[in-house]
Amino acid sequence: MVSGMDANNSANNDGLNTDAVSAPSPQSVGREFVRQYYTILNMKPNLLHRFYSEDSYFVNGALDRPGEVSVPVFGQENINKKIMSLNFKDCHAKIRQVDAMETIGKGVVIQVSGELSNDGQPMRKFLQTFVLAPQSSTKYYVKND
């Protein structure tokens, strides 16, 4: 079963829920997803893995490790371990741009750019791309990150 967050930021097992009667636009899905994801990153990073599923991939690369090959991890449990190894604590994001569009299979691809601070460190620029896969017309989970 896919775990995720609903529109009220409460933990559930249903993925991202936009609470819309009809299928929301990719832009509204993108904005709501980004709001939820980075709020959880700040407040409860130990719950981030709930946005992912057993068939999800996650890769994290950093500019401070040039030439190092980033290896993707697969599955919710491995993604949780990887996220926890990144030691997110009191993370603050300044989102500068969110672009979203529909992709294959009624999914949504989202590109987020901005600045991120972790554990009181100075803000650093970041770029993150998500592919959300639909569970229903109004519920999504992160297939690729």
N, C-alpha and C. Protein backbone atom coordinates (compact mmCIF):
# COMPACT_ATOMS: atom_id res chain seq x y z
N MET A 1 0.84 -1.17 0.00
CA MET A 1 0.00 0.00 0.00
C MET A 1 0.89 1.24 0.00
N VAL A 2 0.49 2.24 -0.71
CA VAL A 2 1.25 3.46 -0.81
C VAL A 2 0.92 4.35 0.37
N SER A 3 1.94 4.92 0.95
CA SER A 3 1.74 5.86 2.04
C SER A 3 1.96 7.25 1.52
N GLY A 4 1.38 8.24 2.15
CA GLY A 4 1.54 9.60 1.69
C GLY A 4 0.97 10.58 2.67
N MET A 5 0.64 11.75 2.18
CA MET A 5 0.09 12.80 3.02
C MET A 5 -1.17 13.32 2.34
N ASP A 6 -2.15 13.71 3.15
CA ASP A 6 -3.34 14.31 2.57
C ASP A 6 -3.21 15.83 2.61
N ALA A 7 -4.22 16.52 2.15
CA ALA A 7 -4.15 17.97 2.02
C ALA A 7 -4.03 18.67 3.37
N ASN A 8 -4.33 17.97 4.46
CA ASN A 8 -4.22 18.56 5.79
C ASN A 8 -2.91 18.21 6.48
N ASN A 9 -1.95 17.67 5.75
CA ASN A 9 -0.65 17.27 6.27
C ASN A 9 -0.74 16.20 7.34
N SER A 10 -1.81 15.44 7.36
CA SER A 10 -1.88 14.35 8.33
C SER A 10 -1.46 13.07 7.64
N ALA A 11 -0.78 12.23 8.40
CA ALA A 11 -0.29 10.98 7.82
C ALA A 11 -1.47 10.07 7.49
N ASN A 12 -1.39 9.44 6.32
CA ASN A 12 -2.39 8.45 5.94
C ASN A 12 -1.73 7.42 5.05
N ASN A 13 -2.49 6.54 4.51
CA ASN A 13 -1.94 5.52 3.62
C ASN A 13 -2.51 5.66 2.22
N ASP A 14 -2.83 6.87 1.81
CA ASP A 14 -3.53 7.06 0.55
C ASP A 14 -2.79 7.93 -0.45
N GLY A 15 -1.57 8.36 -0.20
CA GLY A 15 -0.85 9.22 -1.13
C GLY A 15 -1.27 10.67 -0.99
N LEU A 16 -0.77 11.53 -1.87
CA LEU A 16 -1.13 12.93 -1.88
C LEU A 16 -2.57 13.05 -2.33
N ASN A 17 -3.40 13.69 -1.53
CA ASN A 17 -4.82 13.84 -1.84
C ASN A 17 -5.10 15.32 -2.03
N THR A 18 -5.53 15.69 -3.22
CA THR A 18 -5.80 17.09 -3.49
C THR A 18 -7.22 17.49 -3.11
N ASP A 19 -8.03 16.54 -2.65
CA ASP A 19 -9.39 16.79 -2.19
C ASP A 19 -10.26 17.50 -3.24
N ALA A 20 -10.02 17.26 -4.49
CA ALA A 20 -10.83 17.86 -5.55
C ALA A 20 -11.85 16.84 -6.04
N VAL A 21 -13.00 17.34 -6.50
CA VAL A 21 -14.03 16.46 -7.02
C VAL A 21 -13.62 15.91 -8.38
N SER A 22 -13.10 16.78 -9.24
CA SER A 22 -12.63 16.34 -10.55
C SER A 22 -11.10 16.39 -10.56
N ALA A 23 -10.52 15.84 -11.60
CA ALA A 23 -9.06 15.81 -11.68
C ALA A 23 -8.50 17.23 -11.68
N PRO A 24 -7.58 17.52 -10.76
CA PRO A 24 -6.99 18.86 -10.69
C PRO A 24 -5.98 19.07 -11.82
N SER A 25 -5.65 20.31 -12.09
CA SER A 25 -4.66 20.62 -13.12
C SER A 25 -3.27 20.21 -12.61
N PRO A 26 -2.36 19.91 -13.53
CA PRO A 26 -0.99 19.59 -13.11
C PRO A 26 -0.37 20.71 -12.26
N GLN A 27 -0.68 21.96 -12.59
CA GLN A 27 -0.13 23.07 -11.83
C GLN A 27 -0.64 23.07 -10.39
N SER A 28 -1.93 22.79 -10.19
CA SER A 28 -2.45 22.78 -8.82
C SER A 28 -1.92 21.58 -8.05
N VAL A 29 -1.76 20.44 -8.72
CA VAL A 29 -1.15 19.27 -8.08
C VAL A 29 0.28 19.61 -7.67
N GLY A 30 1.02 20.24 -8.57
CA GLY A 30 2.40 20.61 -8.28
C GLY A 30 2.52 21.55 -7.11
N ARG A 31 1.71 22.59 -7.09
CA ARG A 31 1.77 23.56 -5.99
C ARG A 31 1.44 22.90 -4.65
N GLU A 32 0.37 22.09 -4.63
CA GLU A 32 -0.04 21.44 -3.39
C GLU A 32 1.00 20.43 -2.94
N PHE A 33 1.54 19.66 -3.86
CA PHE A 33 2.57 18.69 -3.51
C PHE A 33 3.78 19.40 -2.89
N VAL A 34 4.26 20.45 -3.53
CA VAL A 34 5.43 21.18 -3.04
C VAL A 34 5.16 21.75 -1.66
N ARG A 35 3.97 22.30 -1.45
CA ARG A 35 3.62 22.83 -0.13
C ARG A 35 3.72 21.73 0.92
N GLN A 36 3.11 20.58 0.64
CA GLN A 36 3.13 19.48 1.60
C GLN A 36 4.53 18.92 1.80
N TYR A 37 5.24 18.66 0.73
CA TYR A 37 6.55 18.00 0.81
C TYR A 37 7.54 18.83 1.63
N TYR A 38 7.65 20.12 1.33
CA TYR A 38 8.65 20.93 2.01
C TYR A 38 8.21 21.31 3.43
N THR A 39 6.91 21.30 3.70
CA THR A 39 6.43 21.46 5.08
C THR A 39 6.85 20.26 5.91
N ILE A 40 6.65 19.06 5.38
CA ILE A 40 7.05 17.84 6.09
C ILE A 40 8.57 17.78 6.23
N LEU A 41 9.30 18.19 5.19
CA LEU A 41 10.76 18.22 5.28
C LEU A 41 11.20 19.08 6.46
N ASN A 42 10.52 20.20 6.68
CA ASN A 42 10.84 21.09 7.79
C ASN A 42 10.41 20.53 9.14
N MET A 43 9.18 20.04 9.21
CA MET A 43 8.60 19.69 10.50
C MET A 43 8.83 18.24 10.93
N LYS A 44 8.74 17.30 10.00
CA LYS A 44 8.83 15.88 10.33
C LYS A 44 9.52 15.11 9.20
N PRO A 45 10.81 15.33 8.99
CA PRO A 45 11.49 14.66 7.87
C PRO A 45 11.44 13.14 7.96
N ASN A 46 11.22 12.62 9.15
CA ASN A 46 11.11 11.16 9.31
C ASN A 46 9.85 10.60 8.65
N LEU A 47 8.94 11.48 8.21
CA LEU A 47 7.72 11.04 7.52
C LEU A 47 7.79 11.22 6.01
N LEU A 48 8.88 11.77 5.50
CA LEU A 48 8.98 12.02 4.05
C LEU A 48 8.80 10.76 3.22
N HIS A 49 9.25 9.63 3.73
CA HIS A 49 9.16 8.38 2.96
C HIS A 49 7.72 8.01 2.63
N ARG A 50 6.75 8.58 3.34
CA ARG A 50 5.35 8.26 3.08
C ARG A 50 4.83 8.82 1.76
N PHE A 51 5.59 9.73 1.16
CA PHE A 51 5.23 10.22 -0.17
C PHE A 51 5.57 9.19 -1.25
N TYR A 52 6.38 8.20 -0.90
CA TYR A 52 6.92 7.24 -1.85
C TYR A 52 6.22 5.89 -1.70
N SER A 53 6.47 4.99 -2.66
CA SER A 53 5.87 3.66 -2.64
C SER A 53 6.96 2.60 -2.81
N GLU A 54 6.53 1.36 -2.86
CA GLU A 54 7.48 0.25 -3.03
C GLU A 54 8.11 0.24 -4.42
N ASP A 55 7.50 0.94 -5.40
CA ASP A 55 8.08 0.98 -6.74
C ASP A 55 8.70 2.34 -7.06
N SER A 56 9.01 3.13 -6.02
CA SER A 56 9.59 4.46 -6.19
C SER A 56 11.11 4.40 -6.23
N TYR A 57 11.69 5.39 -6.94
CA TYR A 57 13.13 5.58 -6.98
C TYR A 57 13.46 6.95 -6.39
N PHE A 58 14.61 7.03 -5.71
CA PHE A 58 15.07 8.28 -5.10
C PHE A 58 16.56 8.39 -5.33
N VAL A 59 17.00 9.55 -5.79
CA VAL A 59 18.44 9.79 -5.93
C VAL A 59 18.72 11.20 -5.41
N ASN A 60 19.85 11.34 -4.73
CA ASN A 60 20.23 12.62 -4.17
C ASN A 60 21.68 12.89 -4.55
N GLY A 61 21.89 13.96 -5.29
CA GLY A 61 23.24 14.37 -5.66
C GLY A 61 23.53 15.71 -5.04
N ALA A 62 24.78 16.02 -4.85
CA ALA A 62 25.14 17.30 -4.24
C ALA A 62 26.27 17.95 -5.02
N LEU A 63 26.19 19.26 -5.11
CA LEU A 63 27.22 20.01 -5.83
C LEU A 63 28.56 19.96 -5.11
N ASP A 64 28.54 19.67 -3.81
CA ASP A 64 29.79 19.63 -3.06
C ASP A 64 30.53 18.30 -3.22
N ARG A 65 30.00 17.41 -4.07
CA ARG A 65 30.64 16.13 -4.33
C ARG A 65 30.84 15.95 -5.84
N PRO A 66 31.60 16.84 -6.49
CA PRO A 66 31.76 16.76 -7.95
C PRO A 66 32.43 15.45 -8.36
N GLY A 67 31.92 14.90 -9.44
CA GLY A 67 32.48 13.67 -9.98
C GLY A 67 31.97 12.40 -9.31
N GLU A 68 31.32 12.55 -8.18
CA GLU A 68 30.77 11.39 -7.48
C GLU A 68 29.47 10.97 -8.15
N VAL A 69 29.34 9.69 -8.42
CA VAL A 69 28.13 9.17 -9.05
C VAL A 69 27.09 8.93 -7.97
N SER A 70 25.91 9.50 -8.15
CA SER A 70 24.82 9.30 -7.20
C SER A 70 24.08 8.03 -7.59
N VAL A 71 23.91 7.15 -6.63
CA VAL A 71 23.26 5.87 -6.88
C VAL A 71 21.81 5.93 -6.40
N PRO A 72 20.85 5.65 -7.27
CA PRO A 72 19.45 5.68 -6.84
C PRO A 72 19.14 4.53 -5.88
N VAL A 73 18.19 4.77 -4.99
CA VAL A 73 17.68 3.71 -4.12
C VAL A 73 16.25 3.42 -4.54
N PHE A 74 15.80 2.19 -4.29
CA PHE A 74 14.50 1.73 -4.75
C PHE A 74 13.67 1.24 -3.57
N GLY A 75 12.40 1.62 -3.56
CA GLY A 75 11.47 1.14 -2.55
C GLY A 75 11.38 2.05 -1.34
N GLN A 76 10.21 2.06 -0.73
CA GLN A 76 9.92 2.97 0.37
C GLN A 76 10.88 2.80 1.55
N GLU A 77 11.19 1.57 1.92
CA GLU A 77 12.07 1.33 3.07
C GLU A 77 13.48 1.85 2.81
N ASN A 78 14.03 1.57 1.63
CA ASN A 78 15.37 2.05 1.28
C ASN A 78 15.39 3.56 1.13
N ILE A 79 14.32 4.12 0.61
CA ILE A 79 14.23 5.58 0.49
C ILE A 79 14.23 6.20 1.87
N ASN A 80 13.49 5.63 2.80
CA ASN A 80 13.48 6.14 4.18
C ASN A 80 14.88 6.11 4.77
N LYS A 81 15.60 5.02 4.59
CA LYS A 81 16.97 4.92 5.12
C LYS A 81 17.86 6.00 4.51
N LYS A 82 17.73 6.21 3.20
CA LYS A 82 18.55 7.23 2.53
C LYS A 82 18.20 8.62 3.04
N ILE A 83 16.91 8.93 3.14
CA ILE A 83 16.50 10.24 3.64
C ILE A 83 17.02 10.46 5.05
N MET A 84 16.91 9.45 5.90
CA MET A 84 17.38 9.59 7.28
C MET A 84 18.90 9.78 7.32
N SER A 85 19.63 9.19 6.38
CA SER A 85 21.09 9.34 6.34
C SER A 85 21.50 10.76 5.95
N LEU A 86 20.59 11.53 5.37
CA LEU A 86 20.89 12.90 4.97
C LEU A 86 20.80 13.87 6.15
N ASN A 87 20.33 13.37 7.29
CA ASN A 87 20.29 14.15 8.55
C ASN A 87 19.59 15.49 8.42
N PHE A 88 18.40 15.48 7.85
CA PHE A 88 17.63 16.71 7.77
C PHE A 88 17.17 17.10 9.17
N LYS A 89 17.42 18.36 9.52
CA LYS A 89 17.03 18.87 10.83
C LYS A 89 16.75 20.36 10.69
N ASP A 90 15.57 20.76 11.06
CA ASP A 90 15.20 22.17 10.98
C ASP A 90 15.49 22.74 9.59
N CYS A 91 15.05 22.00 8.58
CA CYS A 91 15.25 22.37 7.18
C CYS A 91 14.30 23.50 6.79
N HIS A 92 14.82 24.50 6.15
CA HIS A 92 13.99 25.61 5.66
C HIS A 92 14.20 25.76 4.16
N ALA A 93 13.11 25.86 3.43
CA ALA A 93 13.17 26.01 1.98
C ALA A 93 12.55 27.33 1.57
N LYS A 94 13.22 28.02 0.67
CA LYS A 94 12.66 29.19 -0.01
C LYS A 94 12.43 28.74 -1.44
N ILE A 95 11.19 28.50 -1.77
CA ILE A 95 10.84 28.02 -3.11
C ILE A 95 10.78 29.22 -4.04
N ARG A 96 11.56 29.18 -5.09
CA ARG A 96 11.60 30.28 -6.06
C ARG A 96 10.72 30.00 -7.27
N GLN A 97 10.66 28.74 -7.69
CA GLN A 97 9.92 28.40 -8.91
C GLN A 97 9.40 26.97 -8.81
N VAL A 98 8.15 26.78 -9.24
CA VAL A 98 7.56 25.44 -9.35
C VAL A 98 6.96 25.34 -10.74
N ASP A 99 7.45 24.39 -11.53
CA ASP A 99 6.90 24.13 -12.85
C ASP A 99 6.34 22.72 -12.84
N ALA A 100 5.14 22.56 -13.38
CA ALA A 100 4.51 21.24 -13.39
C ALA A 100 3.78 21.04 -14.71
N MET A 101 3.81 19.80 -15.19
CA MET A 101 3.05 19.47 -16.40
C MET A 101 2.69 17.99 -16.36
N GLU A 102 1.65 17.66 -17.12
CA GLU A 102 1.23 16.26 -17.19
C GLU A 102 2.28 15.46 -17.95
N THR A 103 2.44 14.22 -17.53
CA THR A 103 3.37 13.32 -18.20
C THR A 103 2.65 12.01 -18.47
N ILE A 104 3.36 11.05 -18.95
CA ILE A 104 2.79 9.77 -19.37
C ILE A 104 1.92 9.14 -18.27
N GLY A 105 0.83 8.54 -18.68
CA GLY A 105 -0.04 7.84 -17.74
C GLY A 105 -0.78 8.74 -16.77
N LYS A 106 -1.04 9.98 -17.14
CA LYS A 106 -1.74 10.95 -16.29
C LYS A 106 -0.94 11.33 -15.05
N GLY A 107 0.38 11.10 -15.10
CA GLY A 107 1.24 11.51 -14.01
C GLY A 107 1.54 13.00 -14.11
N VAL A 108 2.28 13.50 -13.15
CA VAL A 108 2.66 14.91 -13.13
C VAL A 108 4.16 14.99 -12.85
N VAL A 109 4.88 15.72 -13.70
CA VAL A 109 6.30 15.97 -13.46
C VAL A 109 6.42 17.38 -12.90
N ILE A 110 7.20 17.51 -11.83
CA ILE A 110 7.33 18.79 -11.12
C ILE A 110 8.80 19.11 -10.98
N GLN A 111 9.17 20.34 -11.34
CA GLN A 111 10.53 20.81 -11.11
C GLN A 111 10.47 21.97 -10.13
N VAL A 112 11.26 21.86 -9.07
CA VAL A 112 11.27 22.85 -7.99
C VAL A 112 12.66 23.44 -7.89
N SER A 113 12.75 24.76 -7.85
CA SER A 113 14.04 25.40 -7.62
C SER A 113 13.90 26.40 -6.49
N GLY A 114 14.99 26.58 -5.78
CA GLY A 114 14.97 27.51 -4.66
C GLY A 114 16.24 27.41 -3.86
N GLU A 115 16.11 27.72 -2.57
CA GLU A 115 17.23 27.65 -1.65
C GLU A 115 16.82 26.83 -0.44
N LEU A 116 17.78 26.10 0.11
CA LEU A 116 17.51 25.20 1.23
C LEU A 116 18.58 25.38 2.29
N SER A 117 18.14 25.42 3.55
CA SER A 117 19.05 25.47 4.69
C SER A 117 18.75 24.28 5.58
N ASN A 118 19.79 23.59 6.02
CA ASN A 118 19.62 22.45 6.92
C ASN A 118 20.41 22.69 8.20
N ASP A 119 19.74 22.56 9.33
CA ASP A 119 20.37 22.62 10.64
C ASP A 119 21.16 23.92 10.85
N GLY A 120 20.55 25.04 10.45
CA GLY A 120 21.16 26.34 10.69
C GLY A 120 22.27 26.72 9.73
N GLN A 121 22.55 25.89 8.75
CA GLN A 121 23.60 26.20 7.77
C GLN A 121 23.10 27.30 6.81
N PRO A 122 24.02 27.95 6.10
CA PRO A 122 23.59 28.97 5.13
C PRO A 122 22.72 28.36 4.03
N MET A 123 21.88 29.18 3.46
CA MET A 123 21.03 28.76 2.35
C MET A 123 21.90 28.35 1.16
N ARG A 124 21.48 27.26 0.49
CA ARG A 124 22.15 26.79 -0.73
C ARG A 124 21.10 26.59 -1.80
N LYS A 125 21.47 26.91 -3.03
CA LYS A 125 20.54 26.71 -4.14
C LYS A 125 20.31 25.23 -4.36
N PHE A 126 19.08 24.89 -4.77
CA PHE A 126 18.78 23.49 -5.09
C PHE A 126 17.81 23.42 -6.25
N LEU A 127 17.80 22.28 -6.89
CA LEU A 127 16.87 21.96 -7.97
C LEU A 127 16.43 20.52 -7.72
N GLN A 128 15.14 20.29 -7.67
CA GLN A 128 14.61 18.95 -7.41
C GLN A 128 13.49 18.67 -8.40
N THR A 129 13.51 17.46 -8.96
CA THR A 129 12.50 17.05 -9.92
C THR A 129 11.78 15.82 -9.39
N PHE A 130 10.46 15.86 -9.43
CA PHE A 130 9.61 14.76 -8.99
C PHE A 130 8.76 14.28 -10.15
N VAL A 131 8.52 12.99 -10.22
CA VAL A 131 7.49 12.44 -11.10
C VAL A 131 6.46 11.81 -10.19
N LEU A 132 5.24 12.35 -10.22
CA LEU A 132 4.15 11.81 -9.43
C LEU A 132 3.34 10.86 -10.28
N ALA A 133 3.03 9.70 -9.74
CA ALA A 133 2.18 8.73 -10.42
C ALA A 133 0.81 8.76 -9.77
N PRO A 134 -0.24 8.66 -10.58
CA PRO A 134 -1.59 8.71 -10.01
C PRO A 134 -1.98 7.40 -9.34
N GLN A 135 -2.70 7.54 -8.23
CA GLN A 135 -3.36 6.40 -7.59
C GLN A 135 -4.84 6.42 -7.95
N SER A 136 -5.35 7.64 -8.13
CA SER A 136 -6.72 7.87 -8.58
C SER A 136 -6.69 9.24 -9.26
N SER A 137 -7.84 9.79 -9.59
CA SER A 137 -7.84 11.09 -10.27
C SER A 137 -7.38 12.23 -9.37
N THR A 138 -7.35 12.02 -8.05
CA THR A 138 -6.95 13.09 -7.14
C THR A 138 -5.87 12.68 -6.14
N LYS A 139 -5.30 11.50 -6.28
CA LYS A 139 -4.27 11.04 -5.35
C LYS A 139 -3.03 10.60 -6.11
N TYR A 140 -1.86 11.02 -5.60
CA TYR A 140 -0.59 10.76 -6.27
C TYR A 140 0.45 10.30 -5.26
N TYR A 141 1.48 9.62 -5.77
CA TYR A 141 2.65 9.32 -4.95
C TYR A 141 3.89 9.61 -5.78
N VAL A 142 5.03 9.76 -5.12
CA VAL A 142 6.28 10.04 -5.83
C VAL A 142 6.81 8.74 -6.42
N LYS A 143 6.84 8.69 -7.74
CA LYS A 143 7.40 7.54 -8.46
C LYS A 143 8.91 7.70 -8.60
N ASN A 144 9.34 8.91 -8.95
CA ASN A 144 10.76 9.21 -9.13
C ASN A 144 11.09 10.55 -8.50
N ASP A 145 12.22 10.60 -7.84
CA ASP A 145 12.71 11.83 -7.22
C ASP A 145 14.21 11.85 -7.42
